[in-house]
Amino acid sequence: MALLQFIQLDGVVTGEKTGAMKLTLLDLTIKGGWVMIPIILLSFVAAYIFIERYFVIRKASKEDINFMNRIKDYIHEGKIDAAVALCKLTDSPSARMVTKGITRLGRPLQDISTAIENVGKLEISKLEKGFPTLATITGAEPMLGFLGTVIGMVQSFYAMSQAGNNIDVSMMSDGIYTALITTVAGLIVGIVGYFAYNTLVVKVEKVVFNLEATLTEFMDILNEPVKTAR
């Protein structure tokens, strides 16, 4: 008899757990209340920024190994127009920097270097478009989650105060359950956004390194004829 009761009790508990696991993402979203709306909307914005910037930066980080060698040959041979044409055909930040340097040929080397550096800064600024928004979303999402938690707890305690002596445990448990959903959602989006933001930052730093190497190599090319003349 006791064994039969144990089996029945185990079936009830198992059934309750199975029912809990059938909760869908939509059910959790609805249960979280209106705070889930900005959390979800901002998560889509963050995802769009990351995906769009990822491919843009990835494209900018690709460098043609023979590009600077060809530029060097054109400059030494006096084929400035050919060098400019090659830069225009190469769609990369490095090519745009070199284009600016070539158009400044004949001026002091310091002026050429400064002009190239300014173009490089503009290129990096273009690559970092959307970074402030992504960083803001990453920091704001957990705060929105905590806001939903506080609102849920306030609603729970208010319901308990209105119940008087007829307080039910479900009043407290439902309120806490609703409140914690927003916290979990906000933390998940915030953590994923944090890793996404730092991934983009690392990729931009790689592009910066390539641009600095391009600047150094181009200035060395301009210095070579002077050294040869000596």
Protein backbone atom coordinates (compact mmCIF):
# COMPACT_ATOMS: atom_id res chain seq x y z
CA MET A 1 0.00 0.00 0.00
CA ALA A 2 2.80 2.34 0.93
CA LEU A 3 4.57 1.45 -2.30
CA LEU A 4 1.44 2.29 -4.29
CA GLN A 5 1.15 5.67 -2.56
CA PHE A 6 4.82 6.38 -3.32
CA ILE A 7 4.29 5.57 -6.99
CA GLN A 8 1.25 7.84 -7.15
CA LEU A 9 3.10 10.66 -5.42
CA ASP A 10 6.08 10.25 -7.74
CA GLY A 11 3.75 10.44 -10.73
CA VAL A 12 2.26 13.72 -9.53
CA VAL A 13 5.66 15.29 -8.98
CA THR A 14 6.92 14.05 -12.33
CA GLY A 15 3.83 15.39 -14.03
CA GLU A 16 4.33 18.79 -12.47
CA LYS A 17 7.95 18.91 -13.59
CA THR A 18 7.04 17.83 -17.10
CA GLY A 19 4.43 20.56 -17.29
CA ALA A 20 6.97 23.14 -16.15
CA MET A 21 9.41 22.11 -18.84
CA LYS A 22 6.78 22.62 -21.52
CA LEU A 23 6.85 26.38 -21.00
CA THR A 24 7.74 28.08 -24.25
CA LEU A 25 9.78 31.21 -24.78
CA LEU A 26 6.57 33.08 -25.59
CA ASP A 27 5.06 31.99 -22.26
CA LEU A 28 8.11 33.23 -20.38
CA THR A 29 8.03 36.52 -22.28
CA ILE A 30 4.37 37.12 -21.46
CA LYS A 31 4.92 36.14 -17.84
CA GLY A 32 7.76 38.67 -17.54
CA GLY A 33 5.43 41.61 -18.16
CA TRP A 34 5.89 44.80 -20.13
CA VAL A 35 9.58 45.13 -19.16
CA MET A 36 10.30 42.22 -21.49
CA ILE A 37 9.29 44.39 -24.47
CA PRO A 38 12.26 46.81 -24.31
CA ILE A 39 14.58 43.94 -23.35
CA ILE A 40 13.64 41.99 -26.47
CA LEU A 41 13.62 45.01 -28.77
CA LEU A 42 17.07 46.12 -27.60
CA SER A 43 18.38 42.58 -28.00
CA PHE A 44 17.37 42.67 -31.68
CA VAL A 45 19.08 46.04 -32.11
CA ALA A 46 22.26 44.70 -30.51
CA ALA A 47 22.18 41.59 -32.71
CA TYR A 48 21.79 43.72 -35.85
CA ILE A 49 24.69 46.00 -34.90
CA PHE A 50 26.97 43.07 -34.12
CA ILE A 51 26.23 41.15 -37.32
CA GLU A 52 26.45 44.21 -39.56
CA ARG A 53 29.67 45.51 -37.97
CA TYR A 54 31.23 42.04 -37.89
CA PHE A 55 31.10 41.64 -41.65
CA VAL A 56 32.16 45.24 -42.31
CA ILE A 57 35.20 44.93 -40.05
CA ARG A 58 35.99 41.50 -41.42
CA LYS A 59 36.06 42.92 -44.93
CA ALA A 60 38.25 45.84 -43.82
CA SER A 61 40.75 43.50 -42.14
CA LYS A 62 41.50 41.64 -45.38
CA GLU A 63 44.74 42.87 -46.91
CA ASP A 64 46.31 42.16 -50.30
CA ILE A 65 49.85 40.98 -49.61
CA ASN A 66 51.16 42.33 -52.93
CA PHE A 67 49.39 45.69 -52.70
CA MET A 68 52.23 47.66 -51.10
CA ASN A 69 54.83 45.97 -53.32
CA ARG A 70 52.98 47.13 -56.42
CA ILE A 71 52.61 50.64 -54.98
CA LYS A 72 56.34 50.67 -54.31
CA ASP A 73 57.16 49.66 -57.87
CA TYR A 74 54.80 52.28 -59.34
CA ILE A 75 56.24 55.09 -57.20
CA HIS A 76 59.84 54.16 -58.00
CA GLU A 77 59.00 54.03 -61.70
CA GLY A 78 57.21 57.38 -61.51
CA LYS A 79 53.83 55.85 -62.44
CA ILE A 80 51.81 57.91 -60.00
CA ASP A 81 48.58 57.64 -61.98
CA ALA A 82 48.88 53.86 -62.02
CA ALA A 83 49.40 53.84 -58.25
CA VAL A 84 46.30 55.97 -57.70
CA ALA A 85 44.27 53.75 -60.03
CA LEU A 86 45.38 50.67 -58.09
CA CYS A 87 44.31 52.29 -54.81
CA LYS A 88 40.88 53.11 -56.20
CA LEU A 89 40.42 49.54 -57.37
CA THR A 90 41.33 48.23 -53.91
CA ASP A 91 38.42 48.78 -51.54
CA SER A 92 40.16 48.86 -48.16
CA PRO A 93 41.11 51.41 -45.46
CA SER A 94 44.79 50.91 -46.26
CA ALA A 95 44.25 51.75 -49.93
CA ARG A 96 42.40 54.95 -49.03
CA MET A 97 45.24 55.94 -46.72
CA VAL A 98 47.83 55.34 -49.43
CA THR A 99 45.71 57.33 -51.90
CA LYS A 100 45.85 60.34 -49.61
CA GLY A 101 49.62 59.92 -49.24
CA ILE A 102 50.16 59.73 -52.99
CA THR A 103 48.12 62.89 -53.59
CA ARG A 104 50.42 64.68 -51.12
CA LEU A 105 53.67 63.68 -52.86
CA GLY A 106 56.09 66.60 -53.17
CA ARG A 107 55.19 68.02 -49.77
CA PRO A 108 57.24 67.58 -46.57
CA LEU A 109 57.18 64.03 -45.23
CA GLN A 110 55.67 65.19 -41.94
CA ASP A 111 52.70 66.70 -43.80
CA ILE A 112 52.23 63.47 -45.75
CA SER A 113 52.37 61.39 -42.57
CA THR A 114 49.85 63.64 -40.83
CA ALA A 115 47.44 63.50 -43.78
CA ILE A 116 47.62 59.70 -43.85
CA GLU A 117 47.07 59.46 -40.11
CA ASN A 118 43.97 61.65 -40.37
CA VAL A 119 42.52 59.36 -43.03
CA GLY A 120 43.31 56.37 -40.84
CA LYS A 121 41.44 57.91 -37.91
CA LEU A 122 38.41 58.54 -40.13
CA GLU A 123 38.48 54.93 -41.33
CA ILE A 124 38.60 53.61 -37.76
CA SER A 125 35.76 55.94 -36.81
CA LYS A 126 33.66 54.48 -39.63
CA LEU A 127 34.39 50.95 -38.46
CA GLU A 128 33.37 51.80 -34.91
CA LYS A 129 29.97 53.08 -36.01
CA GLY A 130 27.33 51.67 -33.68
CA PHE A 131 29.81 50.74 -30.95
CA PRO A 132 28.44 53.28 -28.43
CA THR A 133 24.90 52.00 -29.01
CA LEU A 134 25.98 48.39 -28.54
CA ALA A 135 27.88 49.27 -25.37
CA THR A 136 24.88 51.16 -24.00
CA ILE A 137 22.54 48.24 -24.67
CA THR A 138 24.98 45.84 -23.04
CA GLY A 139 25.01 47.92 -19.87
CA ALA A 140 21.31 48.80 -19.87
CA GLU A 141 19.88 45.30 -20.36
CA PRO A 142 20.76 43.99 -16.86
CA MET A 143 19.42 47.21 -15.36
CA LEU A 144 16.12 46.71 -17.19
CA GLY A 145 16.03 43.16 -15.88
CA PHE A 146 16.52 44.38 -12.31
CA LEU A 147 13.81 46.98 -12.86
CA GLY A 148 11.40 44.23 -13.86
CA THR A 149 12.40 42.28 -10.76
CA VAL A 150 11.70 45.22 -8.47
CA ILE A 151 8.36 45.88 -10.14
CA GLY A 152 7.39 42.23 -9.80
CA MET A 153 8.33 42.16 -6.12
CA VAL A 154 6.37 45.35 -5.44
CA GLN A 155 3.32 43.86 -7.14
CA SER A 156 3.73 40.64 -5.15
CA PHE A 157 3.91 42.38 -1.78
CA TYR A 158 1.03 44.64 -2.71
CA ALA A 159 -1.14 41.61 -3.52
CA MET A 160 -0.20 40.07 -0.18
CA SER A 161 -1.08 43.26 1.68
CA GLN A 162 -4.49 43.34 0.00
CA ALA A 163 -5.15 39.70 0.84
CA GLY A 164 -5.09 40.36 4.57
CA ASN A 165 -5.27 37.08 6.49
CA ASN A 166 -6.03 35.09 3.34
CA ILE A 167 -2.41 35.05 2.21
CA ASP A 168 -1.60 32.25 -0.20
CA VAL A 169 1.90 30.97 -0.90
CA SER A 170 1.15 31.15 -4.62
CA MET A 171 0.87 34.95 -4.37
CA MET A 172 4.50 35.21 -3.36
CA SER A 173 5.81 32.47 -5.63
CA ASP A 174 4.08 33.83 -8.75
CA GLY A 175 5.40 37.32 -8.10
CA ILE A 176 8.97 36.13 -7.58
CA TYR A 177 8.73 33.89 -10.66
CA THR A 178 7.55 36.81 -12.79
CA ALA A 179 10.23 39.10 -11.37
CA LEU A 180 13.13 36.72 -11.92
CA ILE A 181 12.26 36.15 -15.59
CA THR A 182 13.18 39.73 -16.43
CA THR A 183 16.41 39.45 -14.46
CA VAL A 184 17.45 36.31 -16.32
CA ALA A 185 16.54 37.83 -19.70
CA GLY A 186 18.42 41.05 -18.99
CA LEU A 187 21.52 39.23 -17.77
CA ILE A 188 21.57 36.88 -20.76
CA VAL A 189 21.36 39.72 -23.27
CA GLY A 190 23.89 41.78 -21.28
CA ILE A 191 26.44 38.95 -21.08
CA VAL A 192 26.10 38.02 -24.75
CA GLY A 193 26.30 41.68 -25.72
CA TYR A 194 29.46 42.10 -23.62
CA PHE A 195 31.24 39.29 -25.45
CA ALA A 196 29.95 40.55 -28.81
CA TYR A 197 31.22 44.09 -28.13
CA ASN A 198 34.68 42.89 -27.11
CA THR A 199 34.86 40.66 -30.17
CA LEU A 200 34.32 43.68 -32.39
CA VAL A 201 36.86 45.73 -30.43
CA VAL A 202 39.53 43.06 -30.92
CA LYS A 203 38.84 42.95 -34.66
CA VAL A 204 39.08 46.75 -34.93
CA GLU A 205 42.42 46.66 -33.10
CA LYS A 206 43.67 44.25 -35.76
CA VAL A 207 42.65 46.74 -38.45
CA VAL A 208 44.43 49.54 -36.55
CA PHE A 209 47.60 47.45 -36.47
CA ASN A 210 47.37 46.88 -40.24
CA LEU A 211 46.89 50.60 -40.88
CA GLU A 212 49.89 51.49 -38.74
CA ALA A 213 51.99 48.94 -40.62
CA THR A 214 50.79 50.40 -43.93
CA LEU A 215 51.70 53.93 -42.83
CA THR A 216 55.20 52.84 -41.79
CA GLU A 217 55.78 50.94 -45.02
CA PHE A 218 54.55 53.82 -47.19
CA MET A 219 56.80 56.33 -45.42
CA ASP A 220 59.74 53.95 -45.88
CA ILE A 221 58.98 53.85 -49.61
CA LEU A 222 59.13 57.64 -49.76
CA ASN A 223 62.43 57.67 -47.89
CA GLU A 224 64.10 55.07 -50.11
CA PRO A 225 64.78 57.34 -53.14
CA VAL A 226 66.48 59.86 -50.84
CA LYS A 227 68.69 57.17 -49.35
CA THR A 228 69.53 55.82 -52.82
CA ALA A 229 70.56 59.28 -54.06
CA ARG A 230 73.11 59.47 -51.29
